[in-house]
PDB file of N, CA and C in Angstrom:
ATOM      1  N   MET A   1       0.814  -1.051   0.176  1.00  0.00           N
ATOM      2  CA  MET A   1       0.039   0.068  -0.044  1.00  0.00           C
ATOM      3  C   MET A   1       0.948   1.354   0.069  1.00  0.00           C
ATOM      4  N   LYS A   2       1.781   1.244   0.651  1.00  0.00           N
ATOM      5  CA  LYS A   2       3.035   2.601   1.031  1.00  0.00           C
ATOM      6  C   LYS A   2       3.619   2.922  -0.748  1.00  0.00           C
ATOM      7  N   PRO A   3       4.012   1.552  -1.410  1.00  0.00           N
ATOM      8  CA  PRO A   3       4.190   2.097  -2.602  1.00  0.00           C
ATOM      9  C   PRO A   3       3.386   3.020  -3.654  1.00  0.00           C
ATOM     10  N   VAL A   4       1.882   2.230  -3.302  1.00  0.00           N
ATOM     11  CA  VAL A   4       0.794   3.011  -4.374  1.00  0.00           C
ATOM     12  C   VAL A   4       1.192   4.558  -4.059  1.00  0.00           C
ATOM     13  N   LEU A   5       0.760   4.672  -2.685  1.00  0.00           N
ATOM     14  CA  LEU A   5       0.367   6.210  -2.128  1.00  0.00           C
ATOM     15  C   LEU A   5       1.707   7.150  -2.386  1.00  0.00           C
ATOM     16  N   LEU A   6       3.007   6.767  -2.376  1.00  0.00           N
ATOM     17  CA  LEU A   6       4.328   7.090  -2.920  1.00  0.00           C
ATOM     18  C   LEU A   6       4.098   7.249  -3.811  1.00  0.00           C
ATOM     19  N   PHE A   7       3.508   6.484  -4.968  1.00  0.00           N
ATOM     20  CA  PHE A   7       3.399   7.248  -6.393  1.00  0.00           C
ATOM     21  C   PHE A   7       2.331   8.142  -6.524  1.00  0.00           C
ATOM     22  N   ALA A   8       1.388   7.940  -6.077  1.00  0.00           N
ATOM     23  CA  ALA A   8       0.696   9.010  -5.947  1.00  0.00           C
ATOM     24  C   ALA A   8       0.654  10.051  -5.793  1.00  0.00           C
ATOM     25  N   THR A   9       1.170  10.103  -4.666  1.00  0.00           N
ATOM     26  CA  THR A   9       2.027  11.450  -4.279  1.00  0.00           C
ATOM     27  C   THR A   9       2.736  12.351  -5.051  1.00  0.00           C
ATOM     28  N   LEU A  10       3.769  11.602  -5.536  1.00  0.00           N
ATOM     29  CA  LEU A  10       4.616  12.130  -6.624  1.00  0.00           C
ATOM     30  C   LEU A  10       4.174  12.697  -7.901  1.00  0.00           C
ATOM     31  N   LEU A  11       3.268  11.644  -8.633  1.00  0.00           N
ATOM     32  CA  LEU A  11       2.309  12.134  -9.404  1.00  0.00           C
ATOM     33  C   LEU A  11       1.903  13.319  -9.575  1.00  0.00           C
ATOM     34  N   TYR A  12       1.235  13.280  -8.165  1.00  0.00           N
ATOM     35  CA  TYR A  12       0.245  14.978  -7.690  1.00  0.00           C
ATOM     36  C   TYR A  12       1.383  16.124  -7.918  1.00  0.00           C
ATOM     37  N   CYS A  13       2.332  15.645  -7.093  1.00  0.00           N
ATOM     38  CA  CYS A  13       3.028  16.906  -6.476  1.00  0.00           C
ATOM     39  C   CYS A  13       3.933  17.223  -8.345  1.00  0.00           C
ATOM     40  N   SER A  14       4.164  16.219  -9.026  1.00  0.00           N
ATOM     41  CA  SER A  14       4.744  16.898 -10.642  1.00  0.00           C
ATOM     42  C   SER A  14       4.228  17.577 -11.508  1.00  0.00           C
ATOM     43  N   SER A  15       2.402  17.562 -11.043  1.00  0.00           N
ATOM     44  CA  SER A  15       2.029  18.275 -11.825  1.00  0.00           C
ATOM     45  C   SER A  15       1.787  19.636 -11.162  1.00  0.00           C
ATOM     46  N   LEU A  16       2.471  20.132 -10.196  1.00  0.00           N
ATOM     47  CA  LEU A  16       2.124  21.149  -9.621  1.00  0.00           C
ATOM     48  C   LEU A  16       3.178  22.335 -10.306  1.00  0.00           C
ATOM     49  N   TRP A  17       4.360  21.729 -11.349  1.00  0.00           N
ATOM     50  CA  TRP A  17       5.098  22.409 -11.845  1.00  0.00           C
ATOM     51  C   TRP A  17       4.779  22.472 -13.211  1.00  0.00           C
ATOM     52  N   ALA A  18       3.869  22.299 -13.932  1.00  0.00           N
ATOM     53  CA  ALA A  18       3.237  22.144 -15.311  1.00  0.00           C
ATOM     54  C   ALA A  18       2.622  23.573 -15.401  1.00  0.00           C
ATOM     55  N   ASN A  19       3.272  23.792 -16.513  1.00  0.00           N
ATOM     56  CA  ASN A  19       2.767  25.355 -17.169  1.00  0.00           C
ATOM     57  C   ASN A  19       1.712  25.132 -17.888  1.00  0.00           C
ATOM     58  N   PRO A  20       0.709  26.503 -17.964  1.00  0.00           N
ATOM     59  CA  PRO A  20      -0.463  26.411 -18.953  1.00  0.00           C
ATOM     60  C   PRO A  20      -0.217  26.040 -20.602  1.00  0.00           C
ATOM     61  N   ALA A  21      -0.830  25.847 -21.450  1.00  0.00           N
ATOM     62  CA  ALA A  21      -0.472  25.911 -22.982  1.00  0.00           C
ATOM     63  C   ALA A  21      -0.575  27.565 -23.030  1.00  0.00           C
ATOM     64  N   PRO A  22       0.315  27.468 -24.478  1.00  0.00           N
ATOM     65  CA  PRO A  22       0.120  28.899 -24.973  1.00  0.00           C
ATOM     66  C   PRO A  22      -1.263  28.774 -25.800  1.00  0.00           C
ATOM     67  N   TRP A  23      -1.589  30.280 -26.208  1.00  0.00           N
ATOM     68  CA  TRP A  23      -2.949  30.527 -26.837  1.00  0.00           C
ATOM     69  C   TRP A  23      -2.277  30.763 -28.093  1.00  0.00           C
ATOM     70  N   TYR A  24      -2.926  30.349 -29.410  1.00  0.00           N
ATOM     71  CA  TYR A  24      -2.698  30.762 -30.745  1.00  0.00           C
ATOM     72  C   TYR A  24      -3.858  31.621 -31.515  1.00  0.00           C
ATOM     73  N   ARG A  25      -3.737  32.398 -32.280  1.00  0.00           N
ATOM     74  CA  ARG A  25      -4.899  33.278 -33.337  1.00  0.00           C
ATOM     75  C   ARG A  25      -4.674  32.108 -34.413  1.00  0.00           C
ATOM     76  N   TRP A  26      -6.455  31.371 -34.667  1.00  0.00           N
ATOM     77  CA  TRP A  26      -6.419  30.513 -35.574  1.00  0.00           C
ATOM     78  C   TRP A  26      -7.068  30.993 -36.851  1.00  0.00           C
ATOM     79  N   ARG A  27      -6.922  31.185 -37.701  1.00  0.00           N
ATOM     80  CA  ARG A  27      -7.846  31.439 -38.985  1.00  0.00           C
ATOM     81  C   ARG A  27      -8.516  30.781 -39.964  1.00  0.00           C
ATOM     82  N   SER A  28      -9.656  30.776 -40.305  1.00  0.00           N
ATOM     83  CA  SER A  28     -10.186  29.373 -41.168  1.00  0.00           C
ATOM     84  C   SER A  28      -9.576  29.760 -42.643  1.00  0.00           C
ATOM     85  N   ALA A  29      -9.401  28.755 -43.497  1.00  0.00           N
ATOM     86  CA  ALA A  29      -8.896  28.698 -44.424  1.00  0.00           C
ATOM     87  C   ALA A  29     -10.065  29.486 -45.961  1.00  0.00           C
ATOM     88  N   GLU A  30     -11.097  29.137 -45.022  1.00  0.00           N
ATOM     89  CA  GLU A  30     -12.589  29.211 -46.064  1.00  0.00           C
ATOM     90  C   GLU A  30     -13.072  30.509 -45.646  1.00  0.00           C
ATOM     91  N   SER A  31     -13.595  31.167 -44.733  1.00  0.00           N
ATOM     92  CA  SER A  31     -14.379  32.229 -44.203  1.00  0.00           C
ATOM     93  C   SER A  31     -13.261  33.550 -43.552  1.00  0.00           C
ATOM     94  N   ASN A  32     -12.102  33.137 -43.569  1.00  0.00           N
ATOM     95  CA  ASN A  32     -11.329  34.438 -42.957  1.00  0.00           C
ATOM     96  C   ASN A  32     -12.186  35.115 -41.342  1.00  0.00           C
ATOM     97  N   VAL A  33     -12.047  33.908 -40.895  1.00  0.00           N
ATOM     98  CA  VAL A  33     -12.557  34.123 -39.459  1.00  0.00           C
ATOM     99  C   VAL A  33     -11.548  33.778 -38.345  1.00  0.00           C
ATOM    100  N   ASP A  34     -11.261  34.455 -37.489  1.00  0.00           N
ATOM    101  CA  ASP A  34     -10.259  34.273 -36.432  1.00  0.00           C
ATOM    102  C   ASP A  34     -10.845  33.877 -35.483  1.00  0.00           C
ATOM    103  N   VAL A  35     -10.428  32.992 -34.440  1.00  0.00           N
ATOM    104  CA  VAL A  35     -10.807  32.260 -33.063  1.00  0.00           C
ATOM    105  C   VAL A  35      -9.270  32.378 -32.343  1.00  0.00           C
ATOM    106  N   CYS A  36      -9.340  32.509 -31.032  1.00  0.00           N
ATOM    107  CA  CYS A  36      -8.226  32.506 -30.011  1.00  0.00           C
ATOM    108  C   CYS A  36      -8.725  30.900 -29.499  1.00  0.00           C
ATOM    109  N   SER A  37      -7.436  30.149 -29.413  1.00  0.00           N
ATOM    110  CA  SER A  37      -7.755  28.550 -28.587  1.00  0.00           C
ATOM    111  C   SER A  37      -6.087  28.264 -28.347  1.00  0.00           C
ATOM    112  N   GLN A  38      -6.306  27.214 -27.468  1.00  0.00           N
ATOM    113  CA  GLN A  38      -5.153  26.439 -27.548  1.00  0.00           C
ATOM    114  C   GLN A  38      -4.588  25.576 -28.385  1.00  0.00           C
ATOM    115  N   VAL A  39      -5.695  24.929 -29.137  1.00  0.00           N
ATOM    116  CA  VAL A  39      -5.849  23.736 -30.010  1.00  0.00           C
ATOM    117  C   VAL A  39      -6.534  24.266 -31.193  1.00  0.00           C
ATOM    118  N   SER A  40      -6.081  23.437 -32.219  1.00  0.00           N
ATOM    119  CA  SER A  40      -6.742  23.650 -33.266  1.00  0.00           C
ATOM    120  C   SER A  40      -8.427  23.512 -33.076  1.00  0.00           C
ATOM    121  N   PRO A  41      -9.112  24.412 -33.501  1.00  0.00           N
ATOM    122  CA  PRO A  41     -10.489  24.522 -33.764  1.00  0.00           C
ATOM    123  C   PRO A  41     -10.955  22.978 -34.908  1.00  0.00           C
ATOM    124  N   GLY A  42     -10.145  22.524 -35.587  1.00  0.00           N
ATOM    125  CA  GLY A  42     -10.484  21.435 -36.458  1.00  0.00           C
ATOM    126  C   GLY A  42      -9.821  22.184 -37.978  1.00  0.00           C
ATOM    127  N   GLU A  43     -10.349  20.745 -38.811  1.00  0.00           N
ATOM    128  CA  GLU A  43      -9.758  20.839 -39.877  1.00  0.00           C
ATOM    129  C   GLU A  43     -10.347  22.100 -40.759  1.00  0.00           C
ATOM    130  N   GLY A  44      -8.978  22.914 -41.662  1.00  0.00           N
ATOM    131  CA  GLY A  44      -9.337  23.853 -42.389  1.00  0.00           C
ATOM    132  C   GLY A  44      -9.181  25.262 -41.448  1.00  0.00           C
ATOM    133  N   TRP A  45      -8.192  24.973 -40.407  1.00  0.00           N
ATOM    134  CA  TRP A  45      -7.488  25.956 -39.881  1.00  0.00           C
ATOM    135  C   TRP A  45      -6.297  26.138 -39.591  1.00  0.00           C
ATOM    136  N   VAL A  46      -5.800  27.457 -39.555  1.00  0.00           N
ATOM    137  CA  VAL A  46      -4.140  27.509 -39.643  1.00  0.00           C
ATOM    138  C   VAL A  46      -4.007  28.524 -38.785  1.00  0.00           C
ATOM    139  N   VAL A  47      -2.672  28.671 -38.319  1.00  0.00           N
ATOM    140  CA  VAL A  47      -2.120  29.274 -36.984  1.00  0.00           C
ATOM    141  C   VAL A  47      -2.070  30.707 -37.916  1.00  0.00           C
ATOM    142  N   ALA A  48      -2.588  31.719 -37.411  1.00  0.00           N
ATOM    143  CA  ALA A  48      -2.312  33.248 -37.743  1.00  0.00           C
ATOM    144  C   ALA A  48      -1.412  33.836 -37.051  1.00  0.00           C
ATOM    145  N   LYS A  49      -1.328  33.740 -35.521  1.00  0.00           N
ATOM    146  CA  LYS A  49      -0.588  34.480 -35.249  1.00  0.00           C
ATOM    147  C   LYS A  49      -0.540  33.499 -33.642  1.00  0.00           C
ATOM    148  N   GLY A  50       0.622  34.288 -32.840  1.00  0.00           N
ATOM    149  CA  GLY A  50       0.734  33.449 -31.740  1.00  0.00           C
ATOM    150  C   GLY A  50       2.537  33.161 -31.265  1.00  0.00           C
ATOM    151  N   PRO A  51       2.523  32.653 -30.212  1.00  0.00           N
ATOM    152  CA  PRO A  51       1.922  32.267 -29.139  1.00  0.00           C
ATOM    153  C   PRO A  51       1.549  33.617 -28.382  1.00  0.00           C
ATOM    154  N   TYR A  52       0.248  33.252 -27.563  1.00  0.00           N
ATOM    155  CA  TYR A  52      -0.117  34.426 -26.375  1.00  0.00           C
ATOM    156  C   TYR A  52      -0.512  33.848 -25.054  1.00  0.00           C
ATOM    157  N   GLN A  53      -0.369  34.531 -24.180  1.00  0.00           N
ATOM    158  CA  GLN A  53      -0.427  34.251 -23.067  1.00  0.00           C
ATOM    159  C   GLN A  53      -1.891  34.318 -22.274  1.00  0.00           C
ATOM    160  N   ASP A  54      -2.700  34.663 -22.901  1.00  0.00           N
ATOM    161  CA  ASP A  54      -4.091  34.743 -22.565  1.00  0.00           C
ATOM    162  C   ASP A  54      -5.491  34.344 -23.249  1.00  0.00           C
ATOM    163  N   ALA A  55      -6.312  34.400 -22.466  1.00  0.00           N
ATOM    164  CA  ALA A  55      -7.448  33.445 -23.664  1.00  0.00           C
ATOM    165  C   ALA A  55      -7.977  34.455 -24.875  1.00  0.00           C
ATOM    166  N   VAL A  56      -7.900  35.650 -24.626  1.00  0.00           N
ATOM    167  CA  VAL A  56      -8.161  36.263 -25.931  1.00  0.00           C
ATOM    168  C   VAL A  56      -7.121  37.301 -26.397  1.00  0.00           C
ATOM    169  N   CYS A  57      -6.211  36.068 -26.540  1.00  0.00           N
ATOM    170  CA  CYS A  57      -4.970  36.625 -27.878  1.00  0.00           C
ATOM    171  C   CYS A  57      -4.621  38.140 -27.304  1.00  0.00           C
ATOM    172  N   LYS A  58      -4.252  38.539 -26.521  1.00  0.00           N
ATOM    173  CA  LYS A  58      -3.820  39.976 -26.319  1.00  0.00           C
ATOM    174  C   LYS A  58      -2.315  40.407 -25.577  1.00  0.00           C
ATOM    175  N   LYS A  59      -2.043  39.214 -24.687  1.00  0.00           N
ATOM    176  CA  LYS A  59      -0.578  39.394 -23.902  1.00  0.00           C
ATOM    177  C   LYS A  59      -0.103  38.557 -25.002  1.00  0.00           C
ATOM    178  N   PRO A  60       1.371  38.844 -25.909  1.00  0.00           N
ATOM    179  CA  PRO A  60       1.940  38.189 -26.649  1.00  0.00           C
ATOM    180  C   PRO A  60       3.005  37.243 -25.593  1.00  0.00           C
ATOM    181  N   GLY A  61       3.358  36.068 -26.052  1.00  0.00           N
ATOM    182  CA  GLY A  61       4.400  35.309 -25.577  1.00  0.00           C
ATOM    183  C   GLY A  61       3.772  34.234 -24.458  1.00  0.00           C
ATOM    184  N   VAL A  62       4.383  33.289 -24.478  1.00  0.00           N
ATOM    185  CA  VAL A  62       4.322  31.924 -23.749  1.00  0.00           C
ATOM    186  C   VAL A  62       4.124  32.256 -22.302  1.00  0.00           C
ATOM    187  N   PRO A  63       3.143  31.673 -21.772  1.00  0.00           N
ATOM    188  CA  PRO A  63       3.008  31.361 -20.215  1.00  0.00           C
ATOM    189  C   PRO A  63       4.107  31.040 -19.721  1.00  0.00           C
ATOM    190  N   HIS A  64       4.013  31.468 -18.237  1.00  0.00           N
ATOM    191  CA  HIS A  64       4.952  31.144 -17.318  1.00  0.00           C
ATOM    192  C   HIS A  64       4.623  31.082 -16.309  1.00  0.00           C
TER     193      HIS A  64
END
């Protein structure tokens, strides 16, 4: 039981050092619409600008 508890504790503690993912401004290839997202909204979208630190794509740079 102790090894399982130790492993779970170490796994939880390692997640405390994780940084948030950067945001990107994505542009639709079909309709010139821009969205701000951490991941691609789907097929037909390309990165227009980025990375950004915030969800409205205003602060440039990688989050720390």
